[in-house]
Amino acid sequence: MNFQQLRSVREAVRQGFNLTDVAQALHTSQPGVSRQIRELEDELGVALFIRSGKRLLGLTEPGEHVLPLIERMLQDQDNLRRASCDFASTHAGPLSVAATHSQARYALPSAVRDFRQLYPAVTLNLHQGSPRQVAEMLLTGEADIGIATEALTQYDELVTLPCYRWTHSVVVRPDHPLTDGQALTLERLSRYPLITYDAGYTGRSHIDSAFEHAGLSPSIVLSAMDADVIKTYVDLGLGVGIVASIAYDDQRDQHLRAIDAGHLFAVNTTRLAFKRGRFLRSYVYAFIEAFAPPLTKPVVQEAMGRS
């Protein structure tokens, strides 16, 4: 038994049992992947995959039971490598962070700046994606830590920690009727075409829930994952924007006006997550604390112990 055999089985599942894609992902040949899988099955004495000719169709019952063990063995191998690297050099190495656009654009820059000053030898890779893509990058090992508001708590394989709470703001052009000083209500807001986040992004579920509970059906004429896009179309006069309050800056957005909407929509919580059982190098704890100061190394390790 060797790790290449284990990686072949794991990647076959990740690639939807397409051996061509597995071979590309592992930088080897398709016959080589088939041979590795067959050799492991011969050693274990059971078939791990359901087959039709040379094609893999799915996992057998033994395969379903063996896969978590394979995942754990490969994670332990990766943890061993990370631990060895950490003892050899505590201030150098790679760090991969996955985040949604709002977090990468508005919340992360100061943390990245502070972290780079402390750990200039760490190579930081920042990946952007939807909340579900962030979770998938954590599960596959592509990212060490992930930051998002939506979706992360839906995965049992992830340890999630709250970072900070935030609310939404309504953004309009300076001459818009909503700037008349009267109280902002859902009913007033629903009279205008709205521009806000895609479903599943940046607290959109709280926006939808608020209107639904009020018995209102707002006209959402445009949705996007990017607050800058939302503000661009508000500036063009296409509608009223609803964005994360952190996405509005008085200096940068002088051509628009922001109205606090914290009383209209539920408070949102941005969370940080990492894969359960993953070894975190020393500088990963430092990055986490730079982003969310309450999340010190003891706090994170306590959460890992509870999971």
Protein backbone atom coordinates (compact mmCIF):
# COMPACT_ATOMS: atom_id res chain seq x y z
CA MET A 1 0.00 0.00 0.00
CA ASN A 2 1.31 3.47 -0.87
CA PHE A 3 0.06 7.05 -0.78
CA GLN A 4 -0.26 7.28 -4.55
CA GLN A 5 -2.84 4.51 -4.45
CA LEU A 6 -4.74 6.35 -1.73
CA ARG A 7 -4.59 9.62 -3.65
CA SER A 8 -5.91 7.86 -6.77
CA VAL A 9 -8.96 6.61 -4.89
CA ARG A 10 -9.66 9.97 -3.26
CA GLU A 11 -9.26 11.89 -6.51
CA ALA A 12 -11.52 9.44 -8.36
CA VAL A 13 -14.33 10.39 -5.98
CA ARG A 14 -13.53 14.11 -6.18
CA GLN A 15 -13.52 14.05 -9.99
CA GLY A 16 -16.88 12.30 -10.25
CA PHE A 17 -15.25 8.94 -11.19
CA ASN A 18 -13.86 10.36 -14.45
CA LEU A 19 -10.44 8.71 -14.80
CA THR A 20 -9.29 11.19 -17.45
CA ASP A 21 -9.86 14.05 -15.03
CA VAL A 22 -8.22 12.05 -12.23
CA ALA A 23 -5.11 11.52 -14.34
CA GLN A 24 -4.91 15.23 -15.14
CA ALA A 25 -5.33 16.21 -11.50
CA LEU A 26 -2.59 13.80 -10.38
CA HIS A 27 -0.31 14.58 -13.37
CA THR A 28 -0.14 10.97 -14.46
CA SER A 29 -1.70 8.66 -17.07
CA GLN A 30 -5.16 7.12 -17.03
CA PRO A 31 -3.77 3.54 -17.17
CA GLY A 32 -1.52 4.48 -14.26
CA VAL A 33 -4.50 5.60 -12.18
CA SER A 34 -6.42 2.41 -12.99
CA ARG A 35 -3.40 0.32 -12.00
CA GLN A 36 -2.98 2.12 -8.68
CA ILE A 37 -6.63 1.57 -7.80
CA ARG A 38 -6.55 -2.09 -8.84
CA GLU A 39 -3.40 -2.76 -6.81
CA LEU A 40 -4.97 -1.26 -3.71
CA GLU A 41 -8.16 -3.27 -4.19
CA ASP A 42 -6.09 -6.45 -4.63
CA GLU A 43 -4.21 -5.75 -1.41
CA LEU A 44 -7.39 -5.01 0.53
CA GLY A 45 -9.23 -7.94 -0.99
CA VAL A 46 -12.37 -5.94 -1.82
CA ALA A 47 -13.62 -3.87 -4.75
CA LEU A 48 -13.85 -0.19 -3.87
CA PHE A 49 -15.63 0.94 -7.04
CA ILE A 50 -18.68 -0.13 -9.02
CA ARG A 51 -17.58 -0.64 -12.65
CA SER A 52 -19.01 -0.91 -16.12
CA GLY A 53 -16.16 -2.23 -18.22
CA LYS A 54 -13.26 0.12 -17.56
CA ARG A 55 -15.50 2.95 -16.36
CA LEU A 56 -16.02 3.77 -12.68
CA LEU A 57 -19.65 4.39 -11.75
CA GLY A 58 -19.48 4.90 -8.01
CA LEU A 59 -18.31 3.47 -4.71
CA THR A 60 -19.19 0.01 -3.47
CA GLU A 61 -20.36 -0.45 0.12
CA PRO A 62 -16.79 -1.32 1.22
CA GLY A 63 -15.60 1.70 -0.72
CA GLU A 64 -18.00 3.97 1.21
CA HIS A 65 -16.54 2.68 4.48
CA VAL A 66 -12.90 2.86 3.36
CA LEU A 67 -13.01 6.36 1.85
CA PRO A 68 -13.10 8.24 5.22
CA LEU A 69 -10.07 6.20 6.36
CA ILE A 70 -8.22 7.11 3.18
CA GLU A 71 -9.10 10.78 3.65
CA ARG A 72 -7.82 10.64 7.23
CA MET A 73 -4.56 8.92 6.25
CA LEU A 74 -3.84 11.48 3.55
CA GLN A 75 -4.67 14.33 5.92
CA ASP A 76 -2.32 12.84 8.53
CA GLN A 77 0.41 12.66 5.90
CA ASP A 78 -0.18 16.32 5.05
CA ASN A 79 -0.25 17.25 8.74
CA LEU A 80 3.06 15.44 9.31
CA ARG A 81 4.65 17.44 6.49
CA ARG A 82 3.23 20.70 7.84
CA ALA A 83 4.37 19.97 11.38
CA SER A 84 7.89 19.15 10.19
CA CYS A 85 8.03 22.36 8.16
CA ASP A 86 6.81 24.35 11.15
CA PHE A 87 9.61 23.05 13.36
CA ALA A 88 12.17 23.63 10.60
CA SER A 89 11.00 27.19 9.87
CA THR A 90 8.25 28.91 11.84
CA HIS A 91 8.33 32.11 9.78
CA ALA A 92 8.33 30.84 6.19
CA GLY A 93 6.03 28.78 3.99
CA PRO A 94 2.76 29.01 2.06
CA LEU A 95 -0.58 30.23 3.38
CA SER A 96 -3.73 29.89 1.30
CA VAL A 97 -6.78 31.96 2.24
CA ALA A 98 -10.17 31.57 0.55
CA ALA A 99 -12.67 34.39 0.93
CA THR A 100 -15.73 35.90 -0.68
CA HIS A 101 -15.35 39.13 -2.63
CA SER A 102 -16.68 41.33 0.16
CA GLN A 103 -14.22 39.89 2.68
CA ALA A 104 -11.27 40.04 0.27
CA ARG A 105 -12.08 43.59 -0.83
CA TYR A 106 -13.13 45.27 2.41
CA ALA A 107 -12.28 43.18 5.49
CA LEU A 108 -8.97 41.46 4.69
CA PRO A 109 -6.61 44.22 3.42
CA SER A 110 -5.59 45.58 6.83
CA ALA A 111 -5.05 42.06 8.21
CA VAL A 112 -2.95 41.12 5.18
CA ARG A 113 -0.87 44.29 5.59
CA ASP A 114 -0.22 43.65 9.28
CA PHE A 115 0.54 39.97 8.71
CA ARG A 116 3.00 40.70 5.89
CA GLN A 117 4.94 43.02 8.18
CA LEU A 118 5.33 40.23 10.74
CA TYR A 119 5.87 37.34 8.29
CA PRO A 120 7.47 38.66 5.09
CA ALA A 121 8.76 35.20 4.16
CA VAL A 122 5.29 33.63 4.07
CA THR A 123 3.85 33.28 0.57
CA LEU A 124 0.22 34.35 0.80
CA ASN A 125 -2.25 33.06 -1.80
CA LEU A 126 -5.69 34.65 -1.80
CA HIS A 127 -8.54 32.82 -3.54
CA GLN A 128 -11.95 34.40 -4.13
CA GLY A 129 -15.19 32.54 -4.62
CA SER A 130 -18.77 32.07 -3.51
CA PRO A 131 -19.36 30.92 0.08
CA ARG A 132 -19.84 27.36 -1.15
CA GLN A 133 -16.68 27.54 -3.24
CA VAL A 134 -14.80 28.77 -0.17
CA ALA A 135 -16.07 25.73 1.76
CA GLU A 136 -15.10 23.37 -1.07
CA MET A 137 -11.57 24.81 -1.19
CA LEU A 138 -11.24 24.07 2.51
CA LEU A 139 -12.56 20.54 2.15
CA THR A 140 -10.21 19.67 -0.71
CA GLY A 141 -7.19 21.20 1.02
CA GLU A 142 -6.74 23.96 -1.55
CA ALA A 143 -7.12 26.56 1.20
CA ASP A 144 -5.87 26.58 4.79
CA ILE A 145 -8.52 28.97 6.11
CA GLY A 146 -11.73 30.36 4.67
CA ILE A 147 -13.69 33.53 5.44
CA ALA A 148 -17.32 34.09 4.52
CA THR A 149 -20.69 35.08 5.96
CA GLU A 150 -22.85 32.39 4.36
CA ALA A 151 -22.65 28.58 4.10
CA LEU A 152 -19.61 27.68 6.23
CA THR A 153 -21.65 26.39 9.19
CA GLN A 154 -23.43 23.92 6.90
CA TYR A 155 -20.40 21.61 6.70
CA ASP A 156 -19.69 19.22 9.58
CA GLU A 157 -16.14 18.71 8.27
CA LEU A 158 -15.29 22.34 9.04
CA VAL A 159 -14.47 24.06 12.32
CA THR A 160 -16.07 27.52 12.19
CA LEU A 161 -15.47 30.51 14.44
CA PRO A 162 -17.33 33.86 14.53
CA CYS A 163 -15.16 36.87 13.63
CA TYR A 164 -17.34 39.98 13.63
CA ARG A 165 -20.94 41.12 13.21
CA TRP A 166 -22.17 43.62 10.66
CA THR A 167 -25.31 45.12 9.15
CA HIS A 168 -26.50 46.37 5.77
CA SER A 169 -26.73 49.88 4.40
CA VAL A 170 -28.91 51.31 1.65
CA VAL A 171 -26.96 53.29 -0.97
CA VAL A 172 -28.58 55.85 -3.26
CA ARG A 173 -27.69 58.84 -5.40
CA PRO A 174 -27.60 62.17 -3.50
CA ASP A 175 -30.84 63.37 -5.13
CA HIS A 176 -32.86 60.23 -4.32
CA PRO A 177 -36.16 60.66 -2.40
CA LEU A 178 -34.90 58.33 0.36
CA THR A 179 -32.43 61.02 1.42
CA ASP A 180 -35.30 63.26 2.64
CA GLY A 181 -34.55 62.51 6.29
CA GLN A 182 -37.71 60.49 6.94
CA ALA A 183 -37.39 57.10 8.63
CA LEU A 184 -36.27 54.27 6.36
CA THR A 185 -38.80 51.42 6.34
CA LEU A 186 -39.18 48.23 4.36
CA GLU A 187 -42.39 49.59 2.87
CA ARG A 188 -40.66 52.74 1.59
CA LEU A 189 -37.74 50.69 0.31
CA SER A 190 -40.02 48.30 -1.57
CA ARG A 191 -41.40 51.15 -3.70
CA TYR A 192 -38.12 51.37 -5.63
CA PRO A 193 -36.23 48.93 -7.87
CA LEU A 194 -33.53 47.26 -5.77
CA ILE A 195 -29.99 46.17 -6.56
CA THR A 196 -28.32 43.79 -4.12
CA TYR A 197 -26.32 40.59 -3.71
CA ASP A 198 -26.89 37.27 -5.43
CA ALA A 199 -28.69 34.60 -3.42
CA GLY A 200 -26.29 32.98 -0.99
CA TYR A 201 -23.97 36.00 -0.77
CA THR A 202 -23.27 38.56 1.94
CA GLY A 203 -26.43 38.29 4.01
CA ARG A 204 -28.87 38.10 1.10
CA SER A 205 -30.95 35.53 3.00
CA HIS A 206 -31.59 38.10 5.75
CA ILE A 207 -32.72 40.66 3.17
CA ASP A 208 -35.17 38.22 1.59
CA SER A 209 -36.48 37.09 4.97
CA ALA A 210 -37.18 40.64 6.15
CA PHE A 211 -39.33 41.47 3.13
CA GLU A 212 -41.08 38.11 3.27
CA HIS A 213 -41.99 38.49 6.95
CA ALA A 214 -43.32 41.99 6.22
CA GLY A 215 -45.51 40.59 3.44
CA LEU A 216 -43.73 42.65 0.78
CA SER A 217 -42.51 41.61 -2.67
CA PRO A 218 -39.67 43.96 -3.65
CA SER A 219 -38.56 44.36 -7.25
CA ILE A 220 -34.93 43.23 -7.37
CA VAL A 221 -33.87 44.35 -10.84
CA LEU A 222 -30.22 43.34 -10.61
CA SER A 223 -28.12 41.14 -8.33
CA ALA A 224 -24.37 40.67 -8.13
CA MET A 225 -21.74 39.13 -5.86
CA ASP A 226 -19.68 42.33 -5.86
CA ALA A 227 -20.64 45.47 -3.88
CA ASP A 228 -18.63 47.63 -6.28
CA VAL A 229 -20.82 46.39 -9.14
CA ILE A 230 -23.94 47.15 -7.12
CA LYS A 231 -22.75 50.70 -6.40
CA THR A 232 -21.85 51.24 -10.06
CA TYR A 233 -25.41 50.53 -11.18
CA VAL A 234 -26.88 52.59 -8.37
CA ASP A 235 -24.78 55.49 -9.62
CA LEU A 236 -26.23 54.93 -13.10
CA GLY A 237 -29.71 55.42 -11.67
CA LEU A 238 -30.93 51.86 -12.13
CA GLY A 239 -32.13 51.42 -8.58
CA VAL A 240 -31.48 51.52 -4.83
CA GLY A 241 -28.60 49.41 -3.57
CA ILE A 242 -28.45 47.24 -0.45
CA VAL A 243 -24.86 46.43 0.49
CA ALA A 244 -22.80 45.42 3.50
CA SER A 245 -22.13 48.53 5.56
CA ILE A 246 -18.40 47.84 5.37
CA ALA A 247 -18.62 48.24 1.57
CA TYR A 248 -19.42 51.95 1.78
CA ASP A 249 -16.69 54.52 2.37
CA ASP A 250 -17.43 58.25 2.74
CA GLN A 251 -14.30 59.28 0.82
CA ARG A 252 -14.30 56.63 -1.88
CA ASP A 253 -18.05 56.80 -2.51
CA GLN A 254 -18.61 60.57 -2.42
CA HIS A 255 -20.96 60.31 -5.41
CA LEU A 256 -23.40 58.21 -3.34
CA ARG A 257 -25.17 58.43 0.01
CA ALA A 258 -25.51 55.63 2.57
CA ILE A 259 -28.50 55.14 4.87
CA ASP A 260 -28.18 52.77 7.82
CA ALA A 261 -30.45 49.75 7.40
CA GLY A 262 -29.36 47.86 10.50
CA HIS A 263 -32.86 48.12 11.95
CA LEU A 264 -34.45 46.54 8.85
CA PHE A 265 -32.39 43.39 8.36
CA ALA A 266 -30.97 40.84 10.79
CA VAL A 267 -27.38 41.21 11.93
CA ASN A 268 -24.89 39.10 9.97
CA THR A 269 -21.90 37.20 11.31
CA THR A 270 -18.73 36.71 9.30
CA ARG A 271 -17.02 33.43 10.13
CA LEU A 272 -13.59 31.93 9.71
CA ALA A 273 -13.23 28.20 9.06
CA PHE A 274 -10.67 25.48 8.52
CA LYS A 275 -10.89 21.76 7.90
CA ARG A 276 -11.44 19.62 10.96
CA GLY A 277 -8.23 17.79 11.96
CA ARG A 278 -5.95 19.94 9.80
CA PHE A 279 -2.62 20.94 11.32
CA LEU A 280 -2.27 24.72 11.40
CA ARG A 281 1.22 26.13 11.21
CA SER A 282 2.27 28.79 13.73
CA TYR A 283 1.90 31.66 11.28
CA VAL A 284 -1.65 30.55 10.41
CA TYR A 285 -2.67 31.30 14.00
CA ALA A 286 -0.96 34.69 13.63
CA PHE A 287 -2.97 35.45 10.49
CA ILE A 288 -6.22 34.44 12.16
CA GLU A 289 -5.53 36.78 15.08
CA ALA A 290 -4.55 39.60 12.71
CA PHE A 291 -7.95 39.28 11.04
CA ALA A 292 -10.00 38.68 14.19
CA PRO A 293 -8.05 39.70 17.35
CA PRO A 294 -10.36 37.78 19.75
CA LEU A 295 -9.42 34.54 17.95
CA THR A 296 -6.11 33.96 19.72
CA LYS A 297 -4.23 30.69 19.39
CA PRO A 298 -5.65 29.28 22.67
CA VAL A 299 -9.20 30.17 21.57
CA VAL A 300 -8.73 28.46 18.20
CA GLN A 301 -7.13 25.39 19.76
CA GLU A 302 -9.96 25.13 22.26
CA ALA A 303 -12.45 25.15 19.38
CA MET A 304 -10.44 22.44 17.66
CA GLY A 305 -10.54 20.35 20.82
CA ARG A 306 -14.32 20.71 21.11
CA SER A 307 -14.91 19.64 17.50
